[in-house]
Amino acid sequence: VSAFGRILKERATAPTSNIRYDDTPIHVYMEQIHAILREQGSVRFSALLRPDLHRSALVGMFLAVLELIRHYRVEVRQ
């Protein structure tokens, strides 16, 4: 959680009045992450959260990582 918070702070932009809703299901992000892991074997957490992603997509990716951990599909090391 602290790593995710640090990434959000690094990518913070000026506050806007628009709220962007990301209706992408978490399982889509889970599949993307799983495909990256299959291809690369391992990946840094910060590499999953690309700079071009909107904040709502970053949250979706973070939740997907938590779901993958919860279902024992990935191993995380600090």
Protein backbone atom coordinates (compact mmCIF):
# COMPACT_ATOMS: atom_id res chain seq x y z
CA VAL A 1 0.00 0.00 0.00
CA SER A 2 2.82 2.41 0.79
CA ALA A 3 4.48 1.65 -2.57
CA PHE A 4 1.19 2.42 -4.32
CA GLY A 5 0.81 5.66 -2.36
CA ARG A 6 4.35 6.67 -3.29
CA ILE A 7 3.66 6.05 -6.98
CA LEU A 8 0.48 8.12 -6.84
CA LYS A 9 2.36 11.00 -5.21
CA GLU A 10 5.10 10.83 -7.86
CA ARG A 11 2.53 11.06 -10.62
CA ALA A 12 0.35 13.66 -8.96
CA THR A 13 -0.91 16.35 -11.28
CA ALA A 14 -2.84 19.50 -10.64
CA PRO A 15 -6.30 18.75 -9.28
CA THR A 16 -9.01 18.83 -11.90
CA SER A 17 -12.72 19.24 -11.63
CA ASN A 18 -13.37 16.27 -13.90
CA ILE A 19 -13.85 12.82 -12.46
CA ARG A 20 -12.90 10.00 -14.76
CA TYR A 21 -14.68 6.72 -14.15
CA ASP A 22 -12.92 3.55 -15.22
CA ASP A 23 -15.45 0.80 -15.80
CA THR A 24 -12.83 -1.79 -16.73
CA PRO A 25 -13.50 -4.96 -14.73
CA ILE A 26 -10.73 -5.96 -12.32
CA HIS A 27 -10.38 -9.34 -14.04
CA VAL A 28 -9.21 -7.54 -17.21
CA TYR A 29 -6.36 -5.95 -15.27
CA MET A 30 -5.65 -9.30 -13.65
CA GLU A 31 -5.32 -10.93 -17.07
CA GLN A 32 -3.00 -8.15 -18.27
CA ILE A 33 -0.75 -8.55 -15.24
CA HIS A 34 -0.78 -12.33 -15.52
CA ALA A 35 0.23 -12.10 -19.20
CA ILE A 36 3.12 -9.79 -18.29
CA LEU A 37 4.26 -12.20 -15.59
CA ARG A 38 4.06 -15.17 -17.95
CA GLU A 39 6.15 -13.30 -20.52
CA GLN A 40 8.74 -11.74 -18.21
CA GLY A 41 8.73 -14.09 -15.24
CA SER A 42 8.92 -11.24 -12.76
CA VAL A 43 8.26 -7.53 -12.86
CA ARG A 44 8.66 -4.56 -10.56
CA PHE A 45 5.43 -3.25 -9.08
CA SER A 46 6.19 0.24 -10.38
CA ALA A 47 6.62 -1.14 -13.92
CA LEU A 48 3.02 -2.39 -13.90
CA LEU A 49 1.72 1.10 -13.18
CA ARG A 50 2.64 2.82 -16.42
CA PRO A 51 2.89 6.63 -16.44
CA ASP A 52 0.21 6.91 -19.15
CA LEU A 53 -2.47 5.33 -16.93
CA HIS A 54 -5.11 7.55 -15.41
CA ARG A 55 -5.49 7.48 -11.63
CA SER A 56 -8.63 5.32 -11.81
CA ALA A 57 -6.77 2.79 -13.97
CA LEU A 58 -3.89 2.81 -11.48
CA VAL A 59 -6.35 1.92 -8.73
CA GLY A 60 -7.74 -0.87 -10.92
CA MET A 61 -4.25 -2.27 -11.50
CA PHE A 62 -3.50 -2.09 -7.77
CA LEU A 63 -6.70 -3.94 -6.91
CA ALA A 64 -5.88 -6.53 -9.56
CA VAL A 65 -2.49 -7.14 -7.96
CA LEU A 66 -4.18 -7.62 -4.59
CA GLU A 67 -6.66 -10.06 -6.11
CA LEU A 68 -3.86 -12.04 -7.76
CA ILE A 69 -2.07 -12.24 -4.43
CA ARG A 70 -5.24 -13.24 -2.61
CA HIS A 71 -5.92 -16.08 -5.01
CA TYR A 72 -2.28 -17.27 -4.74
CA ARG A 73 -1.63 -16.74 -8.42
CA VAL A 74 1.38 -14.50 -7.86
CA GLU A 75 4.17 -14.23 -5.33
CA VAL A 76 5.20 -10.84 -4.03
CA ARG A 77 8.54 -9.97 -2.47
CA GLN A 78 9.49 -6.77 -0.75
